[in-house]
Amino acid sequence: MLAHWTSELGYKLGLIDMGGPCNKGSFADLENFCSYSQFYIASDLPNGGFMLDDWTVDKIDSTNPDIQYHRLFSDSSNLREVLIGRIDLVQRLYGYARQNMVDSKISQANYL
């Protein structure tokens, strides 16, 4: 599918975002997906399984990339800068769950 669409478009996709699924930063996935996009967001660790130390709707909304993409794109038109901002949002979410992740011994990661 990706080979077809990038061929039809005549250029690579801007982004493939696998930041939610677990263990999608393996070398096999990088080899499969990166040839079709300029940027790839993934993790080499299981994602999820943690709770915020002090859960609030504001914390969830302020760290949700789907909700924040409009703000990220209004701050910059450079895709790389926007995606770094998207990773920063997830890092902030991890910070809100720091004690829970330490207590549960859960590691998290997202990379661009």
PDB file of N, CA and C in Angstrom:
ATOM      1  N   MET A   1       0.820  -1.180   0.000  1.00  0.00           N
ATOM      2  CA  MET A   1       0.000   0.000   0.000  1.00  0.00           C
ATOM      3  C   MET A   1       0.876   1.261   0.000  1.00  0.00           C
ATOM      4  N   LEU A   2       1.881   1.310   0.887  1.00  0.00           N
ATOM      5  CA  LEU A   2       2.742   2.494   0.950  1.00  0.00           C
ATOM      6  C   LEU A   2       3.532   2.684  -0.339  1.00  0.00           C
ATOM      7  N   ALA A   3       3.997   1.597  -0.923  1.00  0.00           N
ATOM      8  CA  ALA A   3       4.729   1.694  -2.189  1.00  0.00           C
ATOM      9  C   ALA A   3       3.819   2.272  -3.274  1.00  0.00           C
ATOM     10  N   HIS A   4       2.581   1.804  -3.302  1.00  0.00           N
ATOM     11  CA  HIS A   4       1.631   2.302  -4.303  1.00  0.00           C
ATOM     12  C   HIS A   4       1.383   3.800  -4.131  1.00  0.00           C
ATOM     13  N   TRP A   5       1.062   4.232  -2.907  1.00  0.00           N
ATOM     14  CA  TRP A   5       0.677   5.626  -2.702  1.00  0.00           C
ATOM     15  C   TRP A   5       1.849   6.581  -2.858  1.00  0.00           C
ATOM     16  N   THR A   6       3.028   6.201  -2.400  1.00  0.00           N
ATOM     17  CA  THR A   6       4.164   7.095  -2.607  1.00  0.00           C
ATOM     18  C   THR A   6       4.524   7.167  -4.085  1.00  0.00           C
ATOM     19  N   SER A   7       4.328   6.068  -4.817  1.00  0.00           N
ATOM     20  CA  SER A   7       4.556   6.089  -6.260  1.00  0.00           C
ATOM     21  C   SER A   7       3.529   6.990  -6.945  1.00  0.00           C
ATOM     22  N   GLU A   8       2.272   6.889  -6.542  1.00  0.00           N
ATOM     23  CA  GLU A   8       1.221   7.733  -7.117  1.00  0.00           C
ATOM     24  C   GLU A   8       1.457   9.213  -6.815  1.00  0.00           C
ATOM     25  N   LEU A   9       1.889   9.507  -5.584  1.00  0.00           N
ATOM     26  CA  LEU A   9       2.145  10.895  -5.202  1.00  0.00           C
ATOM     27  C   LEU A   9       3.407  11.441  -5.872  1.00  0.00           C
ATOM     28  N   GLY A  10       4.362  10.561  -6.077  1.00  0.00           N
ATOM     29  CA  GLY A  10       5.639  10.992  -6.648  1.00  0.00           C
ATOM     30  C   GLY A  10       6.634  11.476  -5.615  1.00  0.00           C
ATOM     31  N   TYR A  11       6.323  11.295  -4.346  1.00  0.00           N
ATOM     32  CA  TYR A  11       7.240  11.674  -3.276  1.00  0.00           C
ATOM     33  C   TYR A  11       6.883  10.900  -2.011  1.00  0.00           C
ATOM     34  N   LYS A  12       7.788  10.940  -1.031  1.00  0.00           N
ATOM     35  CA  LYS A  12       7.553  10.258   0.237  1.00  0.00           C
ATOM     36  C   LYS A  12       6.461  10.976   1.039  1.00  0.00           C
ATOM     37  N   LEU A  13       5.797  10.236   1.906  1.00  0.00           N
ATOM     38  CA  LEU A  13       4.860  10.826   2.857  1.00  0.00           C
ATOM     39  C   LEU A  13       5.647  11.686   3.838  1.00  0.00           C
ATOM     40  N   GLY A  14       5.007  12.652   4.437  1.00  0.00           N
ATOM     41  CA  GLY A  14       5.688  13.491   5.413  1.00  0.00           C
ATOM     42  C   GLY A  14       5.991  12.737   6.689  1.00  0.00           C
ATOM     43  N   LEU A  15       5.049  11.880   7.128  1.00  0.00           N
ATOM     44  CA  LEU A  15       5.170  11.246   8.434  1.00  0.00           C
ATOM     45  C   LEU A  15       4.395   9.939   8.473  1.00  0.00           C
ATOM     46  N   ILE A  16       4.983   8.965   9.101  1.00  0.00           N
ATOM     47  CA  ILE A  16       4.257   7.780   9.557  1.00  0.00           C
ATOM     48  C   ILE A  16       4.397   7.793  11.073  1.00  0.00           C
ATOM     49  N   ASP A  17       3.277   7.871  11.774  1.00  0.00           N
ATOM     50  CA  ASP A  17       3.269   8.005  13.229  1.00  0.00           C
ATOM     51  C   ASP A  17       2.810   6.694  13.859  1.00  0.00           C
ATOM     52  N   MET A  18       3.757   5.933  14.335  1.00  0.00           N
ATOM     53  CA  MET A  18       3.462   4.694  15.062  1.00  0.00           C
ATOM     54  C   MET A  18       3.800   4.883  16.535  1.00  0.00           C
ATOM     55  N   GLY A  19       3.658   6.117  17.024  1.00  0.00           N
ATOM     56  CA  GLY A  19       4.027   6.447  18.389  1.00  0.00           C
ATOM     57  C   GLY A  19       3.167   5.790  19.438  1.00  0.00           C
ATOM     58  N   GLY A  20       1.995   5.325  19.082  1.00  0.00           N
ATOM     59  CA  GLY A  20       1.141   4.656  20.055  1.00  0.00           C
ATOM     60  C   GLY A  20       1.421   3.171  20.177  1.00  0.00           C
ATOM     61  N   PRO A  21       1.536   2.451  19.059  1.00  0.00           N
ATOM     62  CA  PRO A  21       1.763   1.014  19.169  1.00  0.00           C
ATOM     63  C   PRO A  21       3.114   0.685  19.804  1.00  0.00           C
ATOM     64  N   CYS A  22       3.138  -0.411  20.501  1.00  0.00           N
ATOM     65  CA  CYS A  22       4.350  -0.844  21.184  1.00  0.00           C
ATOM     66  C   CYS A  22       5.363  -1.436  20.213  1.00  0.00           C
ATOM     67  N   ASN A  23       6.622  -1.236  20.531  1.00  0.00           N
ATOM     68  CA  ASN A  23       7.739  -1.918  19.867  1.00  0.00           C
ATOM     69  C   ASN A  23       7.712  -1.766  18.352  1.00  0.00           C
ATOM     70  N   LYS A  24       7.409  -0.580  17.862  1.00  0.00           N
ATOM     71  CA  LYS A  24       7.406  -0.350  16.413  1.00  0.00           C
ATOM     72  C   LYS A  24       8.666   0.382  15.967  1.00  0.00           C
ATOM     73  N   GLY A  25       9.657   0.448  16.835  1.00  0.00           N
ATOM     74  CA  GLY A  25      10.920   1.081  16.483  1.00  0.00           C
ATOM     75  C   GLY A  25      12.012   0.062  16.204  1.00  0.00           C
ATOM     76  N   SER A  26      11.614  -1.160  15.906  1.00  0.00           N
ATOM     77  CA  SER A  26      12.605  -2.198  15.615  1.00  0.00           C
ATOM     78  C   SER A  26      13.259  -1.918  14.268  1.00  0.00           C
ATOM     79  N   PHE A  27      14.394  -2.537  14.030  1.00  0.00           N
ATOM     80  CA  PHE A  27      15.083  -2.326  12.754  1.00  0.00           C
ATOM     81  C   PHE A  27      14.234  -2.787  11.574  1.00  0.00           C
ATOM     82  N   ALA A  28      13.483  -3.873  11.742  1.00  0.00           N
ATOM     83  CA  ALA A  28      12.631  -4.356  10.650  1.00  0.00           C
ATOM     84  C   ALA A  28      11.564  -3.320  10.301  1.00  0.00           C
ATOM     85  N   ASP A  29      10.943  -2.723  11.316  1.00  0.00           N
ATOM     86  CA  ASP A  29       9.929  -1.696  11.065  1.00  0.00           C
ATOM     87  C   ASP A  29      10.547  -0.444  10.459  1.00  0.00           C
ATOM     88  N   LEU A  30      11.714  -0.054  10.950  1.00  0.00           N
ATOM     89  CA  LEU A  30      12.387   1.112  10.380  1.00  0.00           C
ATOM     90  C   LEU A  30      12.688   0.882   8.906  1.00  0.00           C
ATOM     91  N   GLU A  31      13.163  -0.309   8.589  1.00  0.00           N
ATOM     92  CA  GLU A  31      13.469  -0.633   7.195  1.00  0.00           C
ATOM     93  C   GLU A  31      12.201  -0.624   6.341  1.00  0.00           C
ATOM     94  N   ASN A  32      11.112  -1.159   6.871  1.00  0.00           N
ATOM     95  CA  ASN A  32       9.857  -1.232   6.116  1.00  0.00           C
ATOM     96  C   ASN A  32       9.192   0.126   5.918  1.00  0.00           C
ATOM     97  N   PHE A  33       9.183   0.964   6.929  1.00  0.00           N
ATOM     98  CA  PHE A  33       8.409   2.199   6.878  1.00  0.00           C
ATOM     99  C   PHE A  33       9.208   3.426   6.445  1.00  0.00           C
ATOM    100  N   CYS A  34      10.468   3.516   6.832  1.00  0.00           N
ATOM    101  CA  CYS A  34      11.224   4.758   6.600  1.00  0.00           C
ATOM    102  C   CYS A  34      11.510   5.024   5.130  1.00  0.00           C
ATOM    103  N   SER A  35      11.463   4.019   4.302  1.00  0.00           N
ATOM    104  CA  SER A  35      11.686   4.273   2.886  1.00  0.00           C
ATOM    105  C   SER A  35      10.479   4.961   2.244  1.00  0.00           C
ATOM    106  N   TYR A  36       9.374   5.065   2.975  1.00  0.00           N
ATOM    107  CA  TYR A  36       8.161   5.677   2.433  1.00  0.00           C
ATOM    108  C   TYR A  36       7.810   7.013   3.082  1.00  0.00           C
ATOM    109  N   SER A  37       8.604   7.469   4.037  1.00  0.00           N
ATOM    110  CA  SER A  37       8.271   8.726   4.703  1.00  0.00           C
ATOM    111  C   SER A  37       9.528   9.507   5.058  1.00  0.00           C
ATOM    112  N   GLN A  38       9.339  10.815   5.205  1.00  0.00           N
ATOM    113  CA  GLN A  38      10.447  11.660   5.637  1.00  0.00           C
ATOM    114  C   GLN A  38      10.751  11.435   7.112  1.00  0.00           C
ATOM    115  N   PHE A  39       9.691  11.244   7.901  1.00  0.00           N
ATOM    116  CA  PHE A  39       9.833  11.061   9.336  1.00  0.00           C
ATOM    117  C   PHE A  39       8.985   9.884   9.798  1.00  0.00           C
ATOM    118  N   TYR A  40       9.452   9.238  10.864  1.00  0.00           N
ATOM    119  CA  TYR A  40       8.777   8.076  11.441  1.00  0.00           C
ATOM    120  C   TYR A  40       8.826   8.232  12.955  1.00  0.00           C
ATOM    121  N   ILE A  41       7.677   8.146  13.613  1.00  0.00           N
ATOM    122  CA  ILE A  41       7.619   8.217  15.072  1.00  0.00           C
ATOM    123  C   ILE A  41       7.264   6.830  15.580  1.00  0.00           C
ATOM    124  N   ALA A  42       8.092   6.345  16.501  1.00  0.00           N
ATOM    125  CA  ALA A  42       7.877   4.998  17.014  1.00  0.00           C
ATOM    126  C   ALA A  42       8.551   4.851  18.371  1.00  0.00           C
ATOM    127  N   SER A  43       8.361   3.696  18.955  1.00  0.00           N
ATOM    128  CA  SER A  43       8.977   3.358  20.229  1.00  0.00           C
ATOM    129  C   SER A  43       9.563   1.956  20.139  1.00  0.00           C
ATOM    130  N   ASP A  44      10.675   1.751  20.825  1.00  0.00           N
ATOM    131  CA  ASP A  44      11.240   0.411  20.913  1.00  0.00           C
ATOM    132  C   ASP A  44      10.831  -0.269  22.221  1.00  0.00           C
ATOM    133  N   LEU A  45       9.964   0.395  22.978  1.00  0.00           N
ATOM    134  CA  LEU A  45       9.488  -0.143  24.256  1.00  0.00           C
ATOM    135  C   LEU A  45       7.966  -0.257  24.223  1.00  0.00           C
ATOM    136  N   PRO A  46       7.404  -1.115  25.090  1.00  0.00           N
ATOM    137  CA  PRO A  46       5.947  -1.147  25.192  1.00  0.00           C
ATOM    138  C   PRO A  46       5.427   0.231  25.611  1.00  0.00           C
ATOM    139  N   ASN A  47       4.362   0.694  25.002  1.00  0.00           N
ATOM    140  CA  ASN A  47       3.754   1.980  25.367  1.00  0.00           C
ATOM    141  C   ASN A  47       2.501   1.733  26.188  1.00  0.00           C
ATOM    142  N   GLY A  48       2.267   2.607  27.141  1.00  0.00           N
ATOM    143  CA  GLY A  48       1.067   2.502  27.963  1.00  0.00           C
ATOM    144  C   GLY A  48       1.312   1.705  29.229  1.00  0.00           C
ATOM    145  N   GLY A  49       0.235   1.362  29.888  1.00  0.00           N
ATOM    146  CA  GLY A  49       0.326   0.595  31.122  1.00  0.00           C
ATOM    147  C   GLY A  49       0.630   1.456  32.338  1.00  0.00           C
ATOM    148  N   PHE A  50       0.537   2.772  32.193  1.00  0.00           N
ATOM    149  CA  PHE A  50       0.799   3.662  33.319  1.00  0.00           C
ATOM    150  C   PHE A  50      -0.400   4.574  33.528  1.00  0.00           C
ATOM    151  N   MET A  51      -0.444   5.165  34.717  1.00  0.00           N
ATOM    152  CA  MET A  51      -1.497   6.128  35.043  1.00  0.00           C
ATOM    153  C   MET A  51      -0.835   7.420  35.492  1.00  0.00           C
ATOM    154  N   LEU A  52      -1.507   8.529  35.279  1.00  0.00           N
ATOM    155  CA  LEU A  52      -0.972   9.808  35.740  1.00  0.00           C
ATOM    156  C   LEU A  52      -0.985   9.844  37.262  1.00  0.00           C
ATOM    157  N   ASP A  53       0.035  10.470  37.820  1.00  0.00           N
ATOM    158  CA  ASP A  53       0.122  10.576  39.278  1.00  0.00           C
ATOM    159  C   ASP A  53      -1.023  11.408  39.841  1.00  0.00           C
ATOM    160  N   ASP A  54      -1.433  12.422  39.101  1.00  0.00           N
ATOM    161  CA  ASP A  54      -2.532  13.300  39.505  1.00  0.00           C
ATOM    162  C   ASP A  54      -3.338  13.613  38.253  1.00  0.00           C
ATOM    163  N   TRP A  55      -4.265  12.737  37.900  1.00  0.00           N
ATOM    164  CA  TRP A  55      -4.989  12.806  36.627  1.00  0.00           C
ATOM    165  C   TRP A  55      -5.898  14.015  36.575  1.00  0.00           C
ATOM    166  N   THR A  56      -5.810  14.768  35.467  1.00  0.00           N
ATOM    167  CA  THR A  56      -6.765  15.843  35.185  1.00  0.00           C
ATOM    168  C   THR A  56      -7.030  15.864  33.683  1.00  0.00           C
ATOM    169  N   VAL A  57      -8.174  16.356  33.309  1.00  0.00           N
ATOM    170  CA  VAL A  57      -8.521  16.499  31.893  1.00  0.00           C
ATOM    171  C   VAL A  57      -7.542  17.446  31.218  1.00  0.00           C
ATOM    172  N   ASP A  58      -7.163  18.521  31.910  1.00  0.00           N
ATOM    173  CA  ASP A  58      -6.226  19.488  31.323  1.00  0.00           C
ATOM    174  C   ASP A  58      -4.880  18.842  30.987  1.00  0.00           C
ATOM    175  N   LYS A  59      -4.382  17.983  31.855  1.00  0.00           N
ATOM    176  CA  LYS A  59      -3.103  17.313  31.594  1.00  0.00           C
ATOM    177  C   LYS A  59      -3.216  16.378  30.390  1.00  0.00           C
ATOM    178  N   ILE A  60      -4.312  15.666  30.296  1.00  0.00           N
ATOM    179  CA  ILE A  60      -4.513  14.758  29.167  1.00  0.00           C
ATOM    180  C   ILE A  60      -4.640  15.558  27.869  1.00  0.00           C
ATOM    181  N   ASP A  61      -5.478  16.575  27.868  1.00  0.00           N
ATOM    182  CA  ASP A  61      -5.679  17.372  26.659  1.00  0.00           C
ATOM    183  C   ASP A  61      -4.406  18.107  26.240  1.00  0.00           C
ATOM    184  N   SER A  62      -3.643  18.595  27.200  1.00  0.00           N
ATOM    185  CA  SER A  62      -2.444  19.364  26.864  1.00  0.00           C
ATOM    186  C   SER A  62      -1.309  18.495  26.341  1.00  0.00           C
ATOM    187  N   THR A  63      -1.411  17.185  26.511  1.00  0.00           N
ATOM    188  CA  THR A  63      -0.350  16.286  26.042  1.00  0.00           C
ATOM    189  C   THR A  63      -0.802  15.376  24.905  1.00  0.00           C
ATOM    190  N   ASN A  64      -2.035  15.509  24.474  1.00  0.00           N
ATOM    191  CA  ASN A  64      -2.564  14.670  23.400  1.00  0.00           C
ATOM    192  C   ASN A  64      -2.201  15.280  22.047  1.00  0.00           C
ATOM    193  N   PRO A  65      -1.319  14.610  21.267  1.00  0.00           N
ATOM    194  CA  PRO A  65      -0.918  15.185  19.980  1.00  0.00           C
ATOM    195  C   PRO A  65      -2.099  15.454  19.044  1.00  0.00           C
ATOM    196  N   ASP A  66      -3.103  14.583  19.044  1.00  0.00           N
ATOM    197  CA  ASP A  66      -4.245  14.799  18.158  1.00  0.00           C
ATOM    198  C   ASP A  66      -4.952  16.112  18.470  1.00  0.00           C
ATOM    199  N   ILE A  67      -5.007  16.482  19.731  1.00  0.00           N
ATOM    200  CA  ILE A  67      -5.648  17.727  20.136  1.00  0.00           C
ATOM    201  C   ILE A  67      -4.710  18.912  19.931  1.00  0.00           C
ATOM    202  N   GLN A  68      -3.416  18.694  20.038  1.00  0.00           N
ATOM    203  CA  GLN A  68      -2.445  19.782  20.021  1.00  0.00           C
ATOM    204  C   GLN A  68      -1.798  20.050  18.660  1.00  0.00           C
ATOM    205  N   TYR A  69      -2.039  19.194  17.661  1.00  0.00           N
ATOM    206  CA  TYR A  69      -1.393  19.411  16.359  1.00  0.00           C
ATOM    207  C   TYR A  69      -1.693  20.802  15.787  1.00  0.00           C
ATOM    208  N   HIS A  70      -2.916  21.299  15.970  1.00  0.00           N
ATOM    209  CA  HIS A  70      -3.243  22.631  15.435  1.00  0.00           C
ATOM    210  C   HIS A  70      -2.345  23.699  16.042  1.00  0.00           C
ATOM    211  N   ARG A  71      -2.065  23.594  17.329  1.00  0.00           N
ATOM    212  CA  ARG A  71      -1.192  24.565  17.996  1.00  0.00           C
ATOM    213  C   ARG A  71       0.246  24.401  17.521  1.00  0.00           C
ATOM    214  N   LEU A  72       0.684  23.148  17.402  1.00  0.00           N
ATOM    215  CA  LEU A  72       2.053  22.899  16.952  1.00  0.00           C
ATOM    216  C   LEU A  72       2.286  23.459  15.556  1.00  0.00           C
ATOM    217  N   PHE A  73       1.314  23.264  14.654  1.00  0.00           N
ATOM    218  CA  PHE A  73       1.456  23.780  13.297  1.00  0.00           C
ATOM    219  C   PHE A  73       1.314  25.303  13.248  1.00  0.00           C
ATOM    220  N   SER A  74       0.585  25.902  14.180  1.00  0.00           N
ATOM    221  CA  SER A  74       0.493  27.367  14.186  1.00  0.00           C
ATOM    222  C   SER A  74       1.790  27.983  14.702  1.00  0.00           C
ATOM    223  N   ASP A  75       2.543  27.245  15.508  1.00  0.00           N
ATOM    224  CA  ASP A  75       3.827  27.731  16.021  1.00  0.00           C
ATOM    225  C   ASP A  75       4.944  27.617  14.989  1.00  0.00           C
ATOM    226  N   SER A  76       4.822  26.660  14.049  1.00  0.00           N
ATOM    227  CA  SER A  76       5.881  26.450  13.055  1.00  0.00           C
ATOM    228  C   SER A  76       5.300  25.772  11.826  1.00  0.00           C
ATOM    229  N   SER A  77       5.832  26.110  10.673  1.00  0.00           N
ATOM    230  CA  SER A  77       5.425  25.420   9.446  1.00  0.00           C
ATOM    231  C   SER A  77       6.456  24.360   9.054  1.00  0.00           C
ATOM    232  N   ASN A  78       7.512  24.207   9.857  1.00  0.00           N
ATOM    233  CA  ASN A  78       8.547  23.221   9.607  1.00  0.00           C
ATOM    234  C   ASN A  78       8.116  21.886  10.204  1.00  0.00           C
ATOM    235  N   LEU A  79       7.929  20.876   9.366  1.00  0.00           N
ATOM    236  CA  LEU A  79       7.410  19.587   9.831  1.00  0.00           C
ATOM    237  C   LEU A  79       8.288  18.980  10.916  1.00  0.00           C
ATOM    238  N   ARG A  80       9.602  19.073  10.768  1.00  0.00           N
ATOM    239  CA  ARG A  80      10.508  18.495  11.765  1.00  0.00           C
ATOM    240  C   ARG A  80      10.289  19.159  13.134  1.00  0.00           C
ATOM    241  N   GLU A  81      10.175  20.473  13.170  1.00  0.00           N
ATOM    242  CA  GLU A  81       9.943  21.179  14.432  1.00  0.00           C
ATOM    243  C   GLU A  81       8.606  20.788  15.048  1.00  0.00           C
ATOM    244  N   VAL A  82       7.579  20.643  14.217  1.00  0.00           N
ATOM    245  CA  VAL A  82       6.261  20.231  14.709  1.00  0.00           C
ATOM    246  C   VAL A  82       6.343  18.841  15.331  1.00  0.00           C
ATOM    247  N   LEU A  83       7.054  17.940  14.680  1.00  0.00           N
ATOM    248  CA  LEU A  83       7.141  16.572  15.185  1.00  0.00           C
ATOM    249  C   LEU A  83       7.991  16.485  16.448  1.00  0.00           C
ATOM    250  N   ILE A  84       9.007  17.325  16.551  1.00  0.00           N
ATOM    251  CA  ILE A  84       9.761  17.387  17.809  1.00  0.00           C
ATOM    252  C   ILE A  84       8.835  17.875  18.920  1.00  0.00           C
ATOM    253  N   GLY A  85       7.988  18.856  18.623  1.00  0.00           N
ATOM    254  CA  GLY A  85       6.990  19.315  19.587  1.00  0.00           C
ATOM    255  C   GLY A  85       6.022  18.217  19.968  1.00  0.00           C
ATOM    256  N   ARG A  86       5.658  17.364  19.018  1.00  0.00           N
ATOM    257  CA  ARG A  86       4.760  16.236  19.286  1.00  0.00           C
ATOM    258  C   ARG A  86       5.428  15.256  20.254  1.00  0.00           C
ATOM    259  N   ILE A  87       6.724  14.993  20.065  1.00  0.00           N
ATOM    260  CA  ILE A  87       7.458  14.119  20.984  1.00  0.00           C
ATOM    261  C   ILE A  87       7.551  14.769  22.361  1.00  0.00           C
ATOM    262  N   ASP A  88       7.769  16.076  22.405  1.00  0.00           N
ATOM    263  CA  ASP A  88       7.830  16.785  23.681  1.00  0.00           C
ATOM    264  C   ASP A  88       6.523  16.657  24.464  1.00  0.00           C
ATOM    265  N   LEU A  89       5.384  16.659  23.760  1.00  0.00           N
ATOM    266  CA  LEU A  89       4.096  16.475  24.437  1.00  0.00           C
ATOM    267  C   LEU A  89       4.030  15.134  25.145  1.00  0.00           C
ATOM    268  N   VAL A  90       4.482  14.097  24.459  1.00  0.00           N
ATOM    269  CA  VAL A  90       4.457  12.754  25.048  1.00  0.00           C
ATOM    270  C   VAL A  90       5.425  12.678  26.224  1.00  0.00           C
ATOM    271  N   GLN A  91       6.586  13.321  26.095  1.00  0.00           N
ATOM    272  CA  GLN A  91       7.534  13.354  27.209  1.00  0.00           C
ATOM    273  C   GLN A  91       6.915  14.043  28.428  1.00  0.00           C
ATOM    274  N   ARG A  92       6.142  15.111  28.187  1.00  0.00           N
ATOM    275  CA  ARG A  92       5.463  15.788  29.292  1.00  0.00           C
ATOM    276  C   ARG A  92       4.445  14.851  29.951  1.00  0.00           C
ATOM    277  N   LEU A  93       3.721  14.081  29.134  1.00  0.00           N
ATOM    278  CA  LEU A  93       2.773  13.109  29.673  1.00  0.00           C
ATOM    279  C   LEU A  93       3.492  12.098  30.563  1.00  0.00           C
ATOM    280  N   TYR A  94       4.644  11.609  30.104  1.00  0.00           N
ATOM    281  CA  TYR A  94       5.428  10.684  30.925  1.00  0.00           C
ATOM    282  C   TYR A  94       5.818  11.339  32.251  1.00  0.00           C
ATOM    283  N   GLY A  95       6.145  12.622  32.207  1.00  0.00           N
ATOM    284  CA  GLY A  95       6.487  13.341  33.432  1.00  0.00           C
ATOM    285  C   GLY A  95       5.328  13.406  34.411  1.00  0.00           C
ATOM    286  N   TYR A  96       4.114  13.522  33.888  1.00  0.00           N
ATOM    287  CA  TYR A  96       2.933  13.543  34.745  1.00  0.00           C
ATOM    288  C   TYR A  96       2.667  12.185  35.391  1.00  0.00           C
ATOM    289  N   ALA A  97       3.292  11.145  34.892  1.00  0.00           N
ATOM    290  CA  ALA A  97       3.092   9.790  35.416  1.00  0.00           C
ATOM    291  C   ALA A  97       4.381   9.211  36.009  1.00  0.00           C
ATOM    292  N   ARG A  98       5.328  10.082  36.287  1.00  0.00           N
ATOM    293  CA  ARG A  98       6.656   9.636  36.714  1.00  0.00           C
ATOM    294  C   ARG A  98       6.610   8.668  37.903  1.00  0.00           C
ATOM    295  N   GLN A  99       5.930   9.049  38.964  1.00  0.00           N
ATOM    296  CA  GLN A  99       5.925   8.199  40.154  1.00  0.00           C
ATOM    297  C   GLN A  99       5.247   6.861  39.874  1.00  0.00           C
ATOM    298  N   ASN A 100       4.141   6.877  39.124  1.00  0.00           N
ATOM    299  CA  ASN A 100       3.456   5.643  38.774  1.00  0.00           C
ATOM    300  C   ASN A 100       4.366   4.730  37.958  1.00  0.00           C
ATOM    301  N   MET A 101       5.116   5.293  37.018  1.00  0.00           N
ATOM    302  CA  MET A 101       6.012   4.473  36.201  1.00  0.00           C
ATOM    303  C   MET A 101       7.176   3.932  37.027  1.00  0.00           C
ATOM    304  N   VAL A 102       7.686   4.720  37.973  1.00  0.00           N
ATOM    305  CA  VAL A 102       8.760   4.236  38.850  1.00  0.00           C
ATOM    306  C   VAL A 102       8.232   3.108  39.724  1.00  0.00           C
ATOM    307  N   ASP A 103       7.077   3.323  40.344  1.00  0.00           N
ATOM    308  CA  ASP A 103       6.500   2.304  41.220  1.00  0.00           C
ATOM    309  C   ASP A 103       6.178   1.013  40.463  1.00  0.00           C
ATOM    310  N   SER A 104       5.692   1.152  39.225  1.00  0.00           N
ATOM    311  CA  SER A 104       5.290  -0.012  38.421  1.00  0.00           C
ATOM    312  C   SER A 104       6.438  -0.569  37.579  1.00  0.00           C
ATOM    313  N   LYS A 105       7.593   0.110  37.600  1.00  0.00           N
ATOM    314  CA  LYS A 105       8.761  -0.299  36.808  1.00  0.00           C
ATOM    315  C   LYS A 105       8.412  -0.398  35.321  1.00  0.00           C
ATOM    316  N   ILE A 106       7.757   0.658  34.815  1.00  0.00           N
ATOM    317  CA  ILE A 106       7.335   0.708  33.424  1.00  0.00           C
ATOM    318  C   ILE A 106       8.171   1.749  32.690  1.00  0.00           C
ATOM    319  N   SER A 107       8.879   1.328  31.657  1.00  0.00           N
ATOM    320  CA  SER A 107       9.654   2.257  30.830  1.00  0.00           C
ATOM    321  C   SER A 107       8.831   2.652  29.618  1.00  0.00           C
ATOM    322  N   GLN A 108       8.994   3.893  29.178  1.00  0.00           N
ATOM    323  CA  GLN A 108       8.274   4.414  28.017  1.00  0.00           C
ATOM    324  C   GLN A 108       9.266   5.144  27.120  1.00  0.00           C
ATOM    325  N   ALA A 109       8.965   5.198  25.831  1.00  0.00           N
ATOM    326  CA  ALA A 109       9.832   5.935  24.911  1.00  0.00           C
ATOM    327  C   ALA A 109       9.082   6.242  23.617  1.00  0.00           C
ATOM    328  N   ASN A 110       9.430   7.343  22.996  1.00  0.00           N
ATOM    329  CA  ASN A 110       8.983   7.709  21.653  1.00  0.00           C
ATOM    330  C   ASN A 110      10.134   8.431  20.995  1.00  0.00           C
ATOM    331  N   TYR A 111      10.344   8.141  19.724  1.00  0.00           N
ATOM    332  CA  TYR A 111      11.469   8.723  18.993  1.00  0.00           C
ATOM    333  C   TYR A 111      11.003   9.227  17.641  1.00  0.00           C
ATOM    334  N   LEU A 112      11.703  10.228  17.140  1.00  0.00           N
ATOM    335  CA  LEU A 112      11.479  10.734  15.793  1.00  0.00           C
ATOM    336  C   LEU A 112      12.647  10.293  14.942  1.00  0.00           C
TER     337      LEU A 112
END
